[in-house]
Amino acid sequence: MDNLDYAILTHLAQDARISVAVLARKLRVARSTVQARLERLESSGAIAGYTVRLGESVRAGHIRATVLIAIEPRALPAVLSRLRAMPQVERIHSTSGRVDLLLQLACASTTELDDVLDRIGGVEGVRSSESLIHLSTKLDRTT
């Protein structure tokens, strides 16, 4: 990747809906150059996809929690399969240390969160879990 590729990625990170023509104009290169670079970045996996970032008005309506999970040896594939099937699970990270997985959840209510936590705790292969409910965001560099 060169400086043009990084510039394209920077603009797309700010606005994934930017048109190829506008992107080319901002970068002062031909539209065909931008199109070819985008195709190469997509095929190489540098761009995994385009998505929507939800605004705070939508995100504010959810209760968010982080869940730390310890799992039984060799249970990871089955546990991941069950967790991926839960729409409230937004992210799953593997970790090092006393826990094996870190989940990020978004639920519409405390009742839903309680249900999801019970289902996570009941997944075969989950040894223990600890949940941390998010109260307020002090810093978010992803927006």
N, C-alpha and C. Protein backbone atom coordinates (compact mmCIF):
# COMPACT_ATOMS: atom_id res chain seq x y z
N MET A 1 0.84 -1.18 0.00
CA MET A 1 0.00 0.00 0.00
C MET A 1 0.88 1.24 0.00
N ASP A 2 0.46 2.23 -0.76
CA ASP A 2 1.21 3.47 -0.83
C ASP A 2 0.37 4.62 -0.26
N ASN A 3 0.86 5.84 -0.40
CA ASN A 3 0.18 7.00 0.17
C ASN A 3 -1.22 7.20 -0.41
N LEU A 4 -1.40 6.92 -1.70
CA LEU A 4 -2.72 7.06 -2.31
C LEU A 4 -3.70 6.06 -1.71
N ASP A 5 -3.27 4.83 -1.52
CA ASP A 5 -4.13 3.84 -0.88
C ASP A 5 -4.55 4.29 0.52
N TYR A 6 -3.60 4.77 1.29
CA TYR A 6 -3.92 5.25 2.64
C TYR A 6 -4.86 6.45 2.60
N ALA A 7 -4.68 7.33 1.64
CA ALA A 7 -5.57 8.48 1.51
C ALA A 7 -6.99 8.03 1.16
N ILE A 8 -7.11 7.06 0.28
CA ILE A 8 -8.42 6.51 -0.07
C ILE A 8 -9.08 5.92 1.17
N LEU A 9 -8.34 5.14 1.92
CA LEU A 9 -8.88 4.51 3.13
C LEU A 9 -9.30 5.56 4.17
N THR A 10 -8.52 6.61 4.29
CA THR A 10 -8.85 7.69 5.23
C THR A 10 -10.17 8.35 4.87
N HIS A 11 -10.34 8.67 3.59
CA HIS A 11 -11.59 9.28 3.15
C HIS A 11 -12.77 8.33 3.32
N LEU A 12 -12.58 7.06 3.02
CA LEU A 12 -13.66 6.09 3.17
C LEU A 12 -14.02 5.88 4.64
N ALA A 13 -13.04 5.95 5.52
CA ALA A 13 -13.31 5.79 6.96
C ALA A 13 -14.18 6.94 7.46
N GLN A 14 -14.01 8.13 6.86
CA GLN A 14 -14.82 9.28 7.25
C GLN A 14 -16.21 9.24 6.63
N ASP A 15 -16.29 8.73 5.38
CA ASP A 15 -17.57 8.67 4.67
C ASP A 15 -17.52 7.52 3.67
N ALA A 16 -18.05 6.37 4.05
CA ALA A 16 -18.02 5.20 3.18
C ALA A 16 -18.93 5.35 1.97
N ARG A 17 -19.79 6.36 1.97
CA ARG A 17 -20.72 6.57 0.86
C ARG A 17 -20.18 7.55 -0.18
N ILE A 18 -18.98 8.03 0.01
CA ILE A 18 -18.41 8.99 -0.92
C ILE A 18 -18.31 8.35 -2.31
N SER A 19 -18.68 9.10 -3.32
CA SER A 19 -18.65 8.54 -4.68
C SER A 19 -17.21 8.49 -5.18
N VAL A 20 -17.00 7.62 -6.15
CA VAL A 20 -15.66 7.49 -6.74
C VAL A 20 -15.26 8.81 -7.39
N ALA A 21 -16.21 9.48 -8.03
CA ALA A 21 -15.90 10.76 -8.69
C ALA A 21 -15.47 11.81 -7.69
N VAL A 22 -16.18 11.93 -6.58
CA VAL A 22 -15.82 12.92 -5.56
C VAL A 22 -14.48 12.55 -4.93
N LEU A 23 -14.28 11.27 -4.67
CA LEU A 23 -13.01 10.81 -4.10
C LEU A 23 -11.84 11.14 -5.03
N ALA A 24 -12.03 10.89 -6.31
CA ALA A 24 -10.98 11.20 -7.30
C ALA A 24 -10.68 12.69 -7.32
N ARG A 25 -11.73 13.51 -7.27
CA ARG A 25 -11.55 14.97 -7.28
C ARG A 25 -10.79 15.43 -6.03
N LYS A 26 -11.14 14.89 -4.87
CA LYS A 26 -10.45 15.28 -3.62
C LYS A 26 -8.99 14.86 -3.63
N LEU A 27 -8.70 13.72 -4.24
CA LEU A 27 -7.33 13.19 -4.26
C LEU A 27 -6.54 13.66 -5.48
N ARG A 28 -7.23 14.36 -6.38
CA ARG A 28 -6.60 14.89 -7.60
C ARG A 28 -5.97 13.80 -8.46
N VAL A 29 -6.74 12.73 -8.66
CA VAL A 29 -6.33 11.64 -9.55
C VAL A 29 -7.52 11.27 -10.42
N ALA A 30 -7.26 10.50 -11.44
CA ALA A 30 -8.32 10.09 -12.35
C ALA A 30 -9.31 9.15 -11.66
N ARG A 31 -10.57 9.25 -12.07
CA ARG A 31 -11.60 8.37 -11.53
C ARG A 31 -11.24 6.91 -11.75
N SER A 32 -10.69 6.59 -12.90
CA SER A 32 -10.31 5.20 -13.19
C SER A 32 -9.21 4.72 -12.26
N THR A 33 -8.34 5.62 -11.83
CA THR A 33 -7.28 5.26 -10.88
C THR A 33 -7.89 4.89 -9.54
N VAL A 34 -8.83 5.71 -9.08
CA VAL A 34 -9.49 5.43 -7.79
C VAL A 34 -10.26 4.11 -7.89
N GLN A 35 -10.98 3.91 -8.98
CA GLN A 35 -11.75 2.68 -9.15
C GLN A 35 -10.83 1.45 -9.12
N ALA A 36 -9.72 1.52 -9.83
CA ALA A 36 -8.77 0.40 -9.85
C ALA A 36 -8.18 0.16 -8.47
N ARG A 37 -7.86 1.23 -7.75
CA ARG A 37 -7.31 1.08 -6.39
C ARG A 37 -8.34 0.45 -5.46
N LEU A 38 -9.59 0.90 -5.56
CA LEU A 38 -10.65 0.32 -4.72
C LEU A 38 -10.80 -1.17 -4.98
N GLU A 39 -10.82 -1.55 -6.24
CA GLU A 39 -10.94 -2.97 -6.58
C GLU A 39 -9.78 -3.77 -6.02
N ARG A 40 -8.56 -3.21 -6.10
CA ARG A 40 -7.38 -3.90 -5.57
C ARG A 40 -7.45 -3.99 -4.05
N LEU A 41 -7.86 -2.89 -3.40
CA LEU A 41 -7.96 -2.90 -1.94
C LEU A 41 -9.03 -3.89 -1.46
N GLU A 42 -10.12 -4.01 -2.21
CA GLU A 42 -11.16 -4.97 -1.86
C GLU A 42 -10.68 -6.41 -2.07
N SER A 43 -10.06 -6.67 -3.21
CA SER A 43 -9.64 -8.05 -3.50
C SER A 43 -8.50 -8.51 -2.60
N SER A 44 -7.68 -7.57 -2.12
CA SER A 44 -6.58 -7.94 -1.23
C SER A 44 -7.04 -8.11 0.22
N GLY A 45 -8.26 -7.66 0.50
CA GLY A 45 -8.77 -7.76 1.87
C GLY A 45 -8.51 -6.53 2.71
N ALA A 46 -7.83 -5.53 2.16
CA ALA A 46 -7.60 -4.29 2.91
C ALA A 46 -8.92 -3.60 3.23
N ILE A 47 -9.87 -3.69 2.29
CA ILE A 47 -11.23 -3.23 2.53
C ILE A 47 -12.08 -4.49 2.66
N ALA A 48 -12.57 -4.72 3.87
CA ALA A 48 -13.36 -5.93 4.12
C ALA A 48 -14.83 -5.71 3.81
N GLY A 49 -15.26 -4.46 3.71
CA GLY A 49 -16.65 -4.17 3.42
C GLY A 49 -16.98 -2.73 3.75
N TYR A 50 -18.17 -2.34 3.42
CA TYR A 50 -18.66 -0.99 3.69
C TYR A 50 -19.83 -1.14 4.64
N THR A 51 -19.94 -0.22 5.57
CA THR A 51 -20.94 -0.39 6.62
C THR A 51 -21.55 0.94 7.02
N VAL A 52 -22.52 0.87 7.89
CA VAL A 52 -23.17 2.04 8.44
C VAL A 52 -22.71 2.19 9.89
N ARG A 53 -22.32 3.38 10.27
CA ARG A 53 -22.02 3.69 11.67
C ARG A 53 -23.26 4.33 12.25
N LEU A 54 -23.82 3.72 13.27
CA LEU A 54 -25.04 4.24 13.86
C LEU A 54 -24.78 5.52 14.63
N GLY A 55 -25.69 6.45 14.51
CA GLY A 55 -25.59 7.72 15.23
C GLY A 55 -25.94 7.54 16.69
N GLU A 56 -25.60 8.53 17.48
CA GLU A 56 -25.82 8.45 18.92
C GLU A 56 -27.30 8.34 19.25
N SER A 57 -28.18 8.91 18.42
CA SER A 57 -29.60 8.82 18.71
C SER A 57 -30.09 7.37 18.68
N VAL A 58 -29.52 6.54 17.82
CA VAL A 58 -29.88 5.13 17.77
C VAL A 58 -29.15 4.37 18.87
N ARG A 59 -27.87 4.64 19.01
CA ARG A 59 -27.06 3.93 20.00
C ARG A 59 -27.53 4.23 21.41
N ALA A 60 -28.03 5.43 21.65
CA ALA A 60 -28.45 5.82 23.01
C ALA A 60 -29.62 4.99 23.51
N GLY A 61 -30.38 4.42 22.60
CA GLY A 61 -31.52 3.62 23.01
C GLY A 61 -31.17 2.22 23.46
N HIS A 62 -29.89 1.89 23.52
CA HIS A 62 -29.47 0.55 23.90
C HIS A 62 -28.67 0.56 25.20
N ILE A 63 -28.81 -0.51 25.93
CA ILE A 63 -27.97 -0.74 27.10
C ILE A 63 -26.79 -1.55 26.61
N ARG A 64 -25.60 -1.09 26.89
CA ARG A 64 -24.40 -1.75 26.40
C ARG A 64 -23.68 -2.40 27.58
N ALA A 65 -23.05 -3.53 27.27
CA ALA A 65 -22.32 -4.26 28.31
C ALA A 65 -21.13 -4.96 27.68
N THR A 66 -20.12 -5.14 28.48
CA THR A 66 -18.97 -5.97 28.12
C THR A 66 -19.07 -7.22 28.96
N VAL A 67 -18.84 -8.36 28.34
CA VAL A 67 -18.90 -9.64 29.06
C VAL A 67 -17.57 -10.34 28.90
N LEU A 68 -16.97 -10.73 30.02
CA LEU A 68 -15.71 -11.47 30.03
C LEU A 68 -16.06 -12.94 30.23
N ILE A 69 -15.54 -13.79 29.34
CA ILE A 69 -15.91 -15.20 29.38
C ILE A 69 -14.67 -16.09 29.47
N ALA A 70 -14.71 -17.05 30.38
CA ALA A 70 -13.70 -18.12 30.43
C ALA A 70 -14.39 -19.37 29.88
N ILE A 71 -13.71 -20.08 29.00
CA ILE A 71 -14.32 -21.27 28.39
C ILE A 71 -13.51 -22.51 28.67
N GLU A 72 -14.17 -23.64 28.53
CA GLU A 72 -13.52 -24.93 28.72
C GLU A 72 -12.53 -25.18 27.59
N PRO A 73 -11.48 -25.97 27.85
CA PRO A 73 -10.54 -26.29 26.78
C PRO A 73 -11.25 -26.95 25.59
N ARG A 74 -10.85 -26.60 24.41
CA ARG A 74 -11.35 -27.15 23.14
C ARG A 74 -12.82 -26.83 22.87
N ALA A 75 -13.43 -25.91 23.63
CA ALA A 75 -14.83 -25.58 23.43
C ALA A 75 -15.01 -24.32 22.57
N LEU A 76 -13.92 -23.67 22.18
CA LEU A 76 -14.00 -22.39 21.49
C LEU A 76 -14.88 -22.42 20.23
N PRO A 77 -14.70 -23.35 19.30
CA PRO A 77 -15.53 -23.32 18.08
C PRO A 77 -17.03 -23.39 18.37
N ALA A 78 -17.43 -24.27 19.27
CA ALA A 78 -18.85 -24.42 19.59
C ALA A 78 -19.39 -23.18 20.30
N VAL A 79 -18.60 -22.62 21.22
CA VAL A 79 -19.02 -21.42 21.94
C VAL A 79 -19.17 -20.26 20.96
N LEU A 80 -18.20 -20.07 20.08
CA LEU A 80 -18.27 -18.99 19.10
C LEU A 80 -19.50 -19.13 18.22
N SER A 81 -19.80 -20.33 17.81
CA SER A 81 -20.97 -20.57 16.96
C SER A 81 -22.25 -20.13 17.66
N ARG A 82 -22.39 -20.48 18.92
CA ARG A 82 -23.59 -20.10 19.69
C ARG A 82 -23.65 -18.59 19.92
N LEU A 83 -22.50 -17.96 20.20
CA LEU A 83 -22.48 -16.52 20.45
C LEU A 83 -22.79 -15.73 19.19
N ARG A 84 -22.27 -16.18 18.05
CA ARG A 84 -22.52 -15.48 16.78
C ARG A 84 -24.00 -15.49 16.42
N ALA A 85 -24.75 -16.46 16.90
CA ALA A 85 -26.18 -16.56 16.61
C ALA A 85 -27.02 -15.59 17.43
N MET A 86 -26.43 -14.92 18.40
CA MET A 86 -27.16 -13.98 19.26
C MET A 86 -27.01 -12.57 18.67
N PRO A 87 -28.09 -11.97 18.19
CA PRO A 87 -28.00 -10.66 17.55
C PRO A 87 -27.53 -9.54 18.48
N GLN A 88 -27.67 -9.72 19.77
CA GLN A 88 -27.24 -8.70 20.72
C GLN A 88 -25.72 -8.64 20.87
N VAL A 89 -25.03 -9.68 20.43
CA VAL A 89 -23.56 -9.71 20.51
C VAL A 89 -23.01 -8.94 19.31
N GLU A 90 -22.45 -7.75 19.58
CA GLU A 90 -21.93 -6.91 18.52
C GLU A 90 -20.50 -7.27 18.11
N ARG A 91 -19.69 -7.61 19.10
CA ARG A 91 -18.28 -7.92 18.85
C ARG A 91 -17.84 -9.05 19.76
N ILE A 92 -16.90 -9.84 19.25
CA ILE A 92 -16.26 -10.89 20.04
C ILE A 92 -14.77 -10.76 19.83
N HIS A 93 -14.04 -10.58 20.93
CA HIS A 93 -12.58 -10.48 20.87
C HIS A 93 -11.98 -11.63 21.66
N SER A 94 -10.94 -12.25 21.12
CA SER A 94 -10.18 -13.21 21.94
C SER A 94 -9.19 -12.41 22.77
N THR A 95 -8.84 -12.94 23.92
CA THR A 95 -7.97 -12.21 24.84
C THR A 95 -6.90 -13.14 25.41
N SER A 96 -5.95 -12.53 26.05
CA SER A 96 -4.97 -13.31 26.81
C SER A 96 -5.20 -12.98 28.28
N GLY A 97 -4.83 -13.87 29.15
CA GLY A 97 -5.03 -13.61 30.57
C GLY A 97 -6.06 -14.54 31.17
N ARG A 98 -6.76 -14.07 32.18
CA ARG A 98 -7.66 -14.94 32.94
C ARG A 98 -8.96 -15.26 32.21
N VAL A 99 -9.33 -14.48 31.18
CA VAL A 99 -10.53 -14.78 30.40
C VAL A 99 -10.12 -15.08 28.96
N ASP A 100 -11.00 -15.78 28.26
CA ASP A 100 -10.70 -16.18 26.89
C ASP A 100 -11.34 -15.27 25.85
N LEU A 101 -12.53 -14.77 26.15
CA LEU A 101 -13.26 -13.93 25.20
C LEU A 101 -13.79 -12.68 25.87
N LEU A 102 -13.87 -11.61 25.11
CA LEU A 102 -14.48 -10.36 25.55
C LEU A 102 -15.59 -10.06 24.55
N LEU A 103 -16.81 -9.95 25.03
CA LEU A 103 -17.96 -9.68 24.17
C LEU A 103 -18.44 -8.26 24.40
N GLN A 104 -18.95 -7.65 23.36
CA GLN A 104 -19.64 -6.37 23.50
C GLN A 104 -21.08 -6.60 23.10
N LEU A 105 -22.00 -6.25 24.00
CA LEU A 105 -23.43 -6.46 23.79
C LEU A 105 -24.16 -5.14 23.67
N ALA A 106 -25.28 -5.17 22.96
CA ALA A 106 -26.21 -4.05 22.91
C ALA A 106 -27.61 -4.62 23.02
N CYS A 107 -28.34 -4.18 24.06
CA CYS A 107 -29.69 -4.70 24.31
C CYS A 107 -30.66 -3.54 24.44
N ALA A 108 -31.91 -3.80 24.12
CA ALA A 108 -32.94 -2.76 24.16
C ALA A 108 -33.41 -2.45 25.58
N SER A 109 -33.24 -3.39 26.50
CA SER A 109 -33.74 -3.19 27.87
C SER A 109 -32.91 -4.02 28.84
N THR A 110 -33.10 -3.74 30.12
CA THR A 110 -32.40 -4.53 31.13
C THR A 110 -32.95 -5.96 31.14
N THR A 111 -34.22 -6.12 30.82
CA THR A 111 -34.81 -7.46 30.75
C THR A 111 -34.14 -8.26 29.65
N GLU A 112 -33.96 -7.65 28.49
CA GLU A 112 -33.28 -8.33 27.38
C GLU A 112 -31.84 -8.64 27.74
N LEU A 113 -31.15 -7.68 28.37
CA LEU A 113 -29.77 -7.91 28.78
C LEU A 113 -29.69 -9.07 29.75
N ASP A 114 -30.58 -9.12 30.72
CA ASP A 114 -30.60 -10.21 31.70
C ASP A 114 -30.80 -11.55 30.99
N ASP A 115 -31.70 -11.60 30.02
CA ASP A 115 -31.95 -12.83 29.27
C ASP A 115 -30.71 -13.25 28.48
N VAL A 116 -30.09 -12.30 27.81
CA VAL A 116 -28.90 -12.61 27.00
C VAL A 116 -27.77 -13.11 27.90
N LEU A 117 -27.58 -12.48 29.04
CA LEU A 117 -26.53 -12.92 29.97
C LEU A 117 -26.81 -14.34 30.47
N ASP A 118 -28.07 -14.65 30.73
CA ASP A 118 -28.43 -16.01 31.14
C ASP A 118 -28.13 -17.01 30.01
N ARG A 119 -28.47 -16.63 28.78
CA ARG A 119 -28.20 -17.52 27.65
C ARG A 119 -26.71 -17.72 27.44
N ILE A 120 -25.92 -16.66 27.60
CA ILE A 120 -24.47 -16.78 27.45
C ILE A 120 -23.92 -17.71 28.54
N GLY A 121 -24.35 -17.50 29.77
CA GLY A 121 -23.90 -18.35 30.87
C GLY A 121 -24.30 -19.81 30.70
N GLY A 122 -25.39 -20.06 29.96
CA GLY A 122 -25.86 -21.41 29.74
C GLY A 122 -25.27 -22.11 28.52
N VAL A 123 -24.44 -21.40 27.76
CA VAL A 123 -23.82 -22.01 26.59
C VAL A 123 -22.87 -23.12 27.05
N GLU A 124 -23.02 -24.30 26.46
CA GLU A 124 -22.14 -25.40 26.82
C GLU A 124 -20.70 -25.03 26.46
N GLY A 125 -19.81 -25.17 27.42
CA GLY A 125 -18.41 -24.82 27.23
C GLY A 125 -18.01 -23.53 27.91
N VAL A 126 -19.00 -22.72 28.33
CA VAL A 126 -18.71 -21.49 29.07
C VAL A 126 -18.50 -21.86 30.53
N ARG A 127 -17.29 -21.64 31.02
CA ARG A 127 -16.94 -21.97 32.40
C ARG A 127 -17.43 -20.89 33.36
N SER A 128 -17.21 -19.61 33.00
CA SER A 128 -17.65 -18.50 33.84
C SER A 128 -17.77 -17.25 32.99
N SER A 129 -18.57 -16.31 33.50
CA SER A 129 -18.72 -15.03 32.82
C SER A 129 -18.85 -13.91 33.84
N GLU A 130 -18.44 -12.74 33.44
CA GLU A 130 -18.54 -11.54 34.27
C GLU A 130 -19.01 -10.43 33.37
N SER A 131 -20.07 -9.73 33.76
CA SER A 131 -20.61 -8.66 32.92
C SER A 131 -20.34 -7.30 33.54
N LEU A 132 -20.07 -6.34 32.65
CA LEU A 132 -19.80 -4.97 33.05
C LEU A 132 -20.73 -4.08 32.23
N ILE A 133 -21.68 -3.42 32.87
CA ILE A 133 -22.62 -2.57 32.15
C ILE A 133 -21.99 -1.20 31.94
N HIS A 134 -22.07 -0.72 30.70
CA HIS A 134 -21.50 0.58 30.35
C HIS A 134 -22.44 1.68 30.86
N LEU A 135 -21.89 2.64 31.58
CA LEU A 135 -22.69 3.74 32.11
C LEU A 135 -22.62 4.97 31.20
N SER A 136 -21.42 5.42 30.89
CA SER A 136 -21.27 6.57 29.99
C SER A 136 -19.97 6.42 29.23
N THR A 137 -19.89 7.07 28.09
CA THR A 137 -18.70 7.03 27.25
C THR A 137 -17.86 8.27 27.51
N LYS A 138 -16.65 8.08 27.92
CA LYS A 138 -15.74 9.19 28.20
C LYS A 138 -14.87 9.53 27.01
N LEU A 139 -14.61 8.54 26.13
CA LEU A 139 -13.81 8.75 24.93
C LEU A 139 -14.18 7.68 23.91
N ASP A 140 -14.42 8.10 22.66
CA ASP A 140 -14.72 7.14 21.59
C ASP A 140 -14.06 7.64 20.33
N ARG A 141 -12.97 7.06 19.95
CA ARG A 141 -12.25 7.47 18.77
C ARG A 141 -12.73 6.77 17.49
N THR A 142 -13.75 5.90 17.62
CA THR A 142 -14.25 5.19 16.45
C THR A 142 -15.29 5.97 15.69
N THR A 143 -15.78 7.06 16.23
CA THR A 143 -16.82 7.83 15.55
C THR A 143 -16.25 9.00 14.81
